Amino acid sequence: MASQTIVAEVSKSTQFQQSVADVPPGNPESRLFEAVKRLYKSDHQAEYLDINAEAELLLQQLQADIQKMSAIANP
């Protein structure tokens, strides 16, 4: 399921990049496309950072639990 979501997101990103590439630089819409592209990238970066922070927290909790279990098993 997650792999399907990733494939869909990559496909959307590729389609968006192709659409932006079709707009000539002198076109007034090009500034809008550039702004949307920056927003799109920053949104995904923020989401990545949130997920990364959550993963690090879970890893720390897991390591603490392993240490506790080890201390109980080997007094």
PDB file of N, CA and C in Angstrom:
ATOM      1  N   MET A   1       0.827  -1.193   0.000  1.00  0.00           N
ATOM      2  CA  MET A   1       0.000   0.000   0.000  1.00  0.00           C
ATOM      3  C   MET A   1       0.867   1.251   0.000  1.00  0.00           C
ATOM      4  N   ALA A   2       1.887   1.274   0.861  1.00  0.00           N
ATOM      5  CA  ALA A   2       2.760   2.442   0.927  1.00  0.00           C
ATOM      6  C   ALA A   2       3.524   2.617  -0.371  1.00  0.00           C
ATOM      7  N   SER A   3       3.918   1.503  -1.002  1.00  0.00           N
ATOM      8  CA  SER A   3       4.658   1.612  -2.260  1.00  0.00           C
ATOM      9  C   SER A   3       3.779   2.202  -3.352  1.00  0.00           C
ATOM     10  N   GLN A   4       2.491   1.894  -3.336  1.00  0.00           N
ATOM     11  CA  GLN A   4       1.575   2.481  -4.316  1.00  0.00           C
ATOM     12  C   GLN A   4       1.461   3.982  -4.107  1.00  0.00           C
ATOM     13  N   THR A   5       1.432   4.412  -2.863  1.00  0.00           N
ATOM     14  CA  THR A   5       1.366   5.840  -2.552  1.00  0.00           C
ATOM     15  C   THR A   5       2.621   6.540  -3.031  1.00  0.00           C
ATOM     16  N   ILE A   6       3.776   5.926  -2.796  1.00  0.00           N
ATOM     17  CA  ILE A   6       5.043   6.519  -3.228  1.00  0.00           C
ATOM     18  C   ILE A   6       5.079   6.635  -4.742  1.00  0.00           C
ATOM     19  N   VAL A   7       4.661   5.585  -5.449  1.00  0.00           N
ATOM     20  CA  VAL A   7       4.648   5.615  -6.913  1.00  0.00           C
ATOM     21  C   VAL A   7       3.717   6.716  -7.406  1.00  0.00           C
ATOM     22  N   ALA A   8       2.562   6.860  -6.783  1.00  0.00           N
ATOM     23  CA  ALA A   8       1.616   7.904  -7.182  1.00  0.00           C
ATOM     24  C   ALA A   8       2.209   9.287  -6.964  1.00  0.00           C
ATOM     25  N   GLU A   9       2.890   9.505  -5.837  1.00  0.00           N
ATOM     26  CA  GLU A   9       3.501  10.804  -5.549  1.00  0.00           C
ATOM     27  C   GLU A   9       4.614  11.117  -6.540  1.00  0.00           C
ATOM     28  N   VAL A  10       5.431  10.118  -6.872  1.00  0.00           N
ATOM     29  CA  VAL A  10       6.514  10.325  -7.841  1.00  0.00           C
ATOM     30  C   VAL A  10       5.927  10.661  -9.197  1.00  0.00           C
ATOM     31  N   SER A  11       4.856   9.981  -9.573  1.00  0.00           N
ATOM     32  CA  SER A  11       4.198  10.242 -10.849  1.00  0.00           C
ATOM     33  C   SER A  11       3.652  11.665 -10.895  1.00  0.00           C
ATOM     34  N   LYS A  12       3.002  12.109  -9.809  1.00  0.00           N
ATOM     35  CA  LYS A  12       2.482  13.479  -9.744  1.00  0.00           C
ATOM     36  C   LYS A  12       3.606  14.488  -9.852  1.00  0.00           C
ATOM     37  N   SER A  13       4.695  14.233  -9.160  1.00  0.00           N
ATOM     38  CA  SER A  13       5.836  15.140  -9.174  1.00  0.00           C
ATOM     39  C   SER A  13       6.419  15.241 -10.574  1.00  0.00           C
ATOM     40  N   THR A  14       6.545  14.113 -11.267  1.00  0.00           N
ATOM     41  CA  THR A  14       7.090  14.106 -12.624  1.00  0.00           C
ATOM     42  C   THR A  14       6.176  14.869 -13.565  1.00  0.00           C
ATOM     43  N   GLN A  15       4.868  14.663 -13.457  1.00  0.00           N
ATOM     44  CA  GLN A  15       3.915  15.380 -14.303  1.00  0.00           C
ATOM     45  C   GLN A  15       3.990  16.878 -14.037  1.00  0.00           C
ATOM     46  N   PHE A  16       4.110  17.271 -12.778  1.00  0.00           N
ATOM     47  CA  PHE A  16       4.205  18.686 -12.426  1.00  0.00           C
ATOM     48  C   PHE A  16       5.465  19.298 -13.015  1.00  0.00           C
ATOM     49  N   GLN A  17       6.592  18.597 -12.903  1.00  0.00           N
ATOM     50  CA  GLN A  17       7.848  19.111 -13.433  1.00  0.00           C
ATOM     51  C   GLN A  17       7.773  19.276 -14.941  1.00  0.00           C
ATOM     52  N   GLN A  18       7.112  18.349 -15.638  1.00  0.00           N
ATOM     53  CA  GLN A  18       6.961  18.463 -17.080  1.00  0.00           C
ATOM     54  C   GLN A  18       6.092  19.665 -17.426  1.00  0.00           C
ATOM     55  N   SER A  19       5.031  19.910 -16.668  1.00  0.00           N
ATOM     56  CA  SER A  19       4.161  21.060 -16.913  1.00  0.00           C
ATOM     57  C   SER A  19       4.921  22.364 -16.738  1.00  0.00           C
ATOM     58  N   VAL A  20       5.732  22.444 -15.699  1.00  0.00           N
ATOM     59  CA  VAL A  20       6.514  23.652 -15.442  1.00  0.00           C
ATOM     60  C   VAL A  20       7.538  23.862 -16.543  1.00  0.00           C
ATOM     61  N   ALA A  21       8.124  22.784 -17.038  1.00  0.00           N
ATOM     62  CA  ALA A  21       9.142  22.892 -18.082  1.00  0.00           C
ATOM     63  C   ALA A  21       8.551  23.419 -19.380  1.00  0.00           C
ATOM     64  N   ASP A  22       7.251  23.227 -19.607  1.00  0.00           N
ATOM     65  CA  ASP A  22       6.598  23.678 -20.836  1.00  0.00           C
ATOM     66  C   ASP A  22       6.313  25.177 -20.845  1.00  0.00           C
ATOM     67  N   VAL A  23       6.422  25.846 -19.713  1.00  0.00           N
ATOM     68  CA  VAL A  23       6.126  27.279 -19.627  1.00  0.00           C
ATOM     69  C   VAL A  23       7.396  28.063 -19.937  1.00  0.00           C
ATOM     70  N   PRO A  24       7.352  28.946 -20.957  1.00  0.00           N
ATOM     71  CA  PRO A  24       8.548  29.729 -21.282  1.00  0.00           C
ATOM     72  C   PRO A  24       8.904  30.688 -20.145  1.00  0.00           C
ATOM     73  N   PRO A  25      10.209  30.950 -19.929  1.00  0.00           N
ATOM     74  CA  PRO A  25      10.635  31.797 -18.810  1.00  0.00           C
ATOM     75  C   PRO A  25      10.052  33.210 -18.834  1.00  0.00           C
ATOM     76  N   GLY A  26       9.789  33.784 -19.993  1.00  0.00           N
ATOM     77  CA  GLY A  26       9.261  35.144 -20.076  1.00  0.00           C
ATOM     78  C   GLY A  26       7.776  35.238 -19.788  1.00  0.00           C
ATOM     79  N   ASN A  27       7.111  34.128 -19.676  1.00  0.00           N
ATOM     80  CA  ASN A  27       5.674  34.085 -19.459  1.00  0.00           C
ATOM     81  C   ASN A  27       5.351  34.518 -18.030  1.00  0.00           C
ATOM     82  N   PRO A  28       4.330  35.368 -17.842  1.00  0.00           N
ATOM     83  CA  PRO A  28       3.962  35.789 -16.478  1.00  0.00           C
ATOM     84  C   PRO A  28       3.587  34.615 -15.569  1.00  0.00           C
ATOM     85  N   GLU A  29       3.110  33.532 -16.154  1.00  0.00           N
ATOM     86  CA  GLU A  29       2.733  32.375 -15.351  1.00  0.00           C
ATOM     87  C   GLU A  29       3.955  31.647 -14.795  1.00  0.00           C
ATOM     88  N   SER A  30       5.120  31.897 -15.360  1.00  0.00           N
ATOM     89  CA  SER A  30       6.313  31.173 -14.909  1.00  0.00           C
ATOM     90  C   SER A  30       6.638  31.491 -13.447  1.00  0.00           C
ATOM     91  N   ARG A  31       6.384  32.743 -13.025  1.00  0.00           N
ATOM     92  CA  ARG A  31       6.625  33.083 -11.612  1.00  0.00           C
ATOM     93  C   ARG A  31       5.688  32.307 -10.700  1.00  0.00           C
ATOM     94  N   LEU A  32       4.451  32.162 -11.133  1.00  0.00           N
ATOM     95  CA  LEU A  32       3.481  31.393 -10.355  1.00  0.00           C
ATOM     96  C   LEU A  32       3.918  29.934 -10.258  1.00  0.00           C
ATOM     97  N   PHE A  33       4.337  29.371 -11.390  1.00  0.00           N
ATOM     98  CA  PHE A  33       4.803  27.988 -11.381  1.00  0.00           C
ATOM     99  C   PHE A  33       6.009  27.817 -10.467  1.00  0.00           C
ATOM    100  N   GLU A  34       6.923  28.757 -10.496  1.00  0.00           N
ATOM    101  CA  GLU A  34       8.111  28.675  -9.634  1.00  0.00           C
ATOM    102  C   GLU A  34       7.718  28.745  -8.158  1.00  0.00           C
ATOM    103  N   ALA A  35       6.763  29.616  -7.830  1.00  0.00           N
ATOM    104  CA  ALA A  35       6.304  29.738  -6.441  1.00  0.00           C
ATOM    105  C   ALA A  35       5.639  28.438  -5.980  1.00  0.00           C
ATOM    106  N   VAL A  36       4.812  27.865  -6.841  1.00  0.00           N
ATOM    107  CA  VAL A  36       4.141  26.607  -6.503  1.00  0.00           C
ATOM    108  C   VAL A  36       5.166  25.494  -6.341  1.00  0.00           C
ATOM    109  N   LYS A  37       6.163  25.469  -7.209  1.00  0.00           N
ATOM    110  CA  LYS A  37       7.200  24.440  -7.130  1.00  0.00           C
ATOM    111  C   LYS A  37       7.967  24.545  -5.815  1.00  0.00           C
ATOM    112  N   ARG A  38       8.312  25.774  -5.410  1.00  0.00           N
ATOM    113  CA  ARG A  38       9.021  25.955  -4.135  1.00  0.00           C
ATOM    114  C   ARG A  38       8.152  25.506  -2.967  1.00  0.00           C
ATOM    115  N   LEU A  39       6.876  25.871  -2.997  1.00  0.00           N
ATOM    116  CA  LEU A  39       5.948  25.477  -1.937  1.00  0.00           C
ATOM    117  C   LEU A  39       5.803  23.959  -1.879  1.00  0.00           C
ATOM    118  N   TYR A  40       5.677  23.344  -3.037  1.00  0.00           N
ATOM    119  CA  TYR A  40       5.540  21.883  -3.115  1.00  0.00           C
ATOM    120  C   TYR A  40       6.755  21.208  -2.502  1.00  0.00           C
ATOM    121  N   LYS A  41       7.945  21.686  -2.856  1.00  0.00           N
ATOM    122  CA  LYS A  41       9.177  21.099  -2.321  1.00  0.00           C
ATOM    123  C   LYS A  41       9.282  21.330  -0.816  1.00  0.00           C
ATOM    124  N   SER A  42       8.973  22.542  -0.357  1.00  0.00           N
ATOM    125  CA  SER A  42       9.112  22.834   1.072  1.00  0.00           C
ATOM    126  C   SER A  42       8.105  22.036   1.895  1.00  0.00           C
ATOM    127  N   ASP A  43       6.907  21.814   1.346  1.00  0.00           N
ATOM    128  CA  ASP A  43       5.898  21.027   2.046  1.00  0.00           C
ATOM    129  C   ASP A  43       6.379  19.593   2.218  1.00  0.00           C
ATOM    130  N   HIS A  44       6.951  19.031   1.157  1.00  0.00           N
ATOM    131  CA  HIS A  44       7.441  17.657   1.249  1.00  0.00           C
ATOM    132  C   HIS A  44       8.659  17.563   2.154  1.00  0.00           C
ATOM    133  N   GLN A  45       9.484  18.599   2.156  1.00  0.00           N
ATOM    134  CA  GLN A  45      10.649  18.589   3.042  1.00  0.00           C
ATOM    135  C   GLN A  45      10.192  18.641   4.503  1.00  0.00           C
ATOM    136  N   ALA A  46       9.201  19.474   4.791  1.00  0.00           N
ATOM    137  CA  ALA A  46       8.677  19.562   6.157  1.00  0.00           C
ATOM    138  C   ALA A  46       8.077  18.225   6.587  1.00  0.00           C
ATOM    139  N   GLU A  47       7.351  17.587   5.677  1.00  0.00           N
ATOM    140  CA  GLU A  47       6.760  16.282   5.990  1.00  0.00           C
ATOM    141  C   GLU A  47       7.864  15.255   6.255  1.00  0.00           C
ATOM    142  N   TYR A  48       8.924  15.289   5.440  1.00  0.00           N
ATOM    143  CA  TYR A  48      10.054  14.374   5.638  1.00  0.00           C
ATOM    144  C   TYR A  48      10.691  14.608   7.004  1.00  0.00           C
ATOM    145  N   LEU A  49      10.892  15.873   7.367  1.00  0.00           N
ATOM    146  CA  LEU A  49      11.524  16.184   8.649  1.00  0.00           C
ATOM    147  C   LEU A  49      10.664  15.718   9.818  1.00  0.00           C
ATOM    148  N   ASP A  50       9.344  15.864   9.698  1.00  0.00           N
ATOM    149  CA  ASP A  50       8.438  15.385  10.746  1.00  0.00           C
ATOM    150  C   ASP A  50       8.533  13.867  10.895  1.00  0.00           C
ATOM    151  N   ILE A  51       8.528  13.166   9.771  1.00  0.00           N
ATOM    152  CA  ILE A  51       8.613  11.705   9.804  1.00  0.00           C
ATOM    153  C   ILE A  51       9.959  11.271  10.356  1.00  0.00           C
ATOM    154  N   ASN A  52      11.018  11.954   9.937  1.00  0.00           N
ATOM    155  CA  ASN A  52      12.361  11.623  10.404  1.00  0.00           C
ATOM    156  C   ASN A  52      12.470  11.822  11.921  1.00  0.00           C
ATOM    157  N   ALA A  53      11.928  12.918  12.433  1.00  0.00           N
ATOM    158  CA  ALA A  53      11.969  13.183  13.877  1.00  0.00           C
ATOM    159  C   ALA A  53      11.185  12.117  14.640  1.00  0.00           C
ATOM    160  N   GLU A  54      10.046  11.725  14.103  1.00  0.00           N
ATOM    161  CA  GLU A  54       9.241  10.689  14.755  1.00  0.00           C
ATOM    162  C   GLU A  54       9.992   9.355  14.761  1.00  0.00           C
ATOM    163  N   ALA A  55      10.655   9.029  13.661  1.00  0.00           N
ATOM    164  CA  ALA A  55      11.430   7.784  13.587  1.00  0.00           C
ATOM    165  C   ALA A  55      12.576   7.798  14.592  1.00  0.00           C
ATOM    166  N   GLU A  56      13.252   8.930  14.727  1.00  0.00           N
ATOM    167  CA  GLU A  56      14.346   9.034  15.697  1.00  0.00           C
ATOM    168  C   GLU A  56      13.834   8.868  17.128  1.00  0.00           C
ATOM    169  N   LEU A  57      12.688   9.453  17.426  1.00  0.00           N
ATOM    170  CA  LEU A  57      12.094   9.314  18.758  1.00  0.00           C
ATOM    171  C   LEU A  57      11.736   7.853  19.045  1.00  0.00           C
ATOM    172  N   LEU A  58      11.136   7.192  18.065  1.00  0.00           N
ATOM    173  CA  LEU A  58      10.788   5.782  18.245  1.00  0.00           C
ATOM    174  C   LEU A  58      12.034   4.923  18.422  1.00  0.00           C
ATOM    175  N   LEU A  59      13.096   5.243  17.706  1.00  0.00           N
ATOM    176  CA  LEU A  59      14.354   4.509  17.853  1.00  0.00           C
ATOM    177  C   LEU A  59      14.922   4.688  19.260  1.00  0.00           C
ATOM    178  N   GLN A  60      14.882   5.907  19.775  1.00  0.00           N
ATOM    179  CA  GLN A  60      15.367   6.162  21.138  1.00  0.00           C
ATOM    180  C   GLN A  60      14.543   5.383  22.163  1.00  0.00           C
ATOM    181  N   GLN A  61      13.226   5.369  21.975  1.00  0.00           N
ATOM    182  CA  GLN A  61      12.359   4.624  22.891  1.00  0.00           C
ATOM    183  C   GLN A  61      12.657   3.128  22.824  1.00  0.00           C
ATOM    184  N   LEU A  62      12.873   2.625  21.622  1.00  0.00           N
ATOM    185  CA  LEU A  62      13.191   1.215  21.448  1.00  0.00           C
ATOM    186  C   LEU A  62      14.511   0.865  22.124  1.00  0.00           C
ATOM    187  N   GLN A  63      15.519   1.712  21.945  1.00  0.00           N
ATOM    188  CA  GLN A  63      16.812   1.465  22.576  1.00  0.00           C
ATOM    189  C   GLN A  63      16.694   1.486  24.100  1.00  0.00           C
ATOM    190  N   ALA A  64      15.908   2.401  24.635  1.00  0.00           N
ATOM    191  CA  ALA A  64      15.701   2.462  26.088  1.00  0.00           C
ATOM    192  C   ALA A  64      14.996   1.201  26.578  1.00  0.00           C
ATOM    193  N   ASP A  65      13.999   0.738  25.828  1.00  0.00           N
ATOM    194  CA  ASP A  65      13.289  -0.489  26.206  1.00  0.00           C
ATOM    195  C   ASP A  65      14.218  -1.701  26.154  1.00  0.00           C
ATOM    196  N   ILE A  66      15.088  -1.744  25.157  1.00  0.00           N
ATOM    197  CA  ILE A  66      16.044  -2.854  25.047  1.00  0.00           C
ATOM    198  C   ILE A  66      16.997  -2.847  26.235  1.00  0.00           C
ATOM    199  N   GLN A  67      17.452  -1.671  26.636  1.00  0.00           N
ATOM    200  CA  GLN A  67      18.346  -1.574  27.795  1.00  0.00           C
ATOM    201  C   GLN A  67      17.639  -2.038  29.066  1.00  0.00           C
ATOM    202  N   LYS A  68      16.376  -1.648  29.226  1.00  0.00           N
ATOM    203  CA  LYS A  68      15.609  -2.073  30.399  1.00  0.00           C
ATOM    204  C   LYS A  68      15.447  -3.588  30.415  1.00  0.00           C
ATOM    205  N   MET A  69      15.099  -4.157  29.260  1.00  0.00           N
ATOM    206  CA  MET A  69      14.914  -5.606  29.169  1.00  0.00           C
ATOM    207  C   MET A  69      16.227  -6.337  29.425  1.00  0.00           C
ATOM    208  N   SER A  70      17.316  -5.772  28.940  1.00  0.00           N
ATOM    209  CA  SER A  70      18.631  -6.377  29.151  1.00  0.00           C
ATOM    210  C   SER A  70      19.001  -6.343  30.634  1.00  0.00           C
ATOM    211  N   ALA A  71      18.698  -5.236  31.300  1.00  0.00           N
ATOM    212  CA  ALA A  71      18.988  -5.111  32.736  1.00  0.00           C
ATOM    213  C   ALA A  71      18.152  -6.095  33.546  1.00  0.00           C
ATOM    214  N   ILE A  72      16.924  -6.323  33.132  1.00  0.00           N
ATOM    215  CA  ILE A  72      16.057  -7.273  33.834  1.00  0.00           C
ATOM    216  C   ILE A  72      16.546  -8.702  33.597  1.00  0.00           C
ATOM    217  N   ALA A  73      16.945  -9.005  32.378  1.00  0.00           N
ATOM    218  CA  ALA A  73      17.377 -10.361  32.030  1.00  0.00           C
ATOM    219  C   ALA A  73      18.741 -10.695  32.613  1.00  0.00           C
ATOM    220  N   ASN A  74      19.594  -9.700  32.766  1.00  0.00           N
ATOM    221  CA  ASN A  74      20.956  -9.909  33.279  1.00  0.00           C
ATOM    222  C   ASN A  74      21.202  -9.023  34.498  1.00  0.00           C
ATOM    223  N   PRO A  75      20.653  -9.431  35.646  1.00  0.00           N
ATOM    224  CA  PRO A  75      20.791  -8.568  36.835  1.00  0.00           C
ATOM    225  C   PRO A  75      22.213  -8.480  37.356  1.00  0.00           C
TER     226      PRO A  75
END
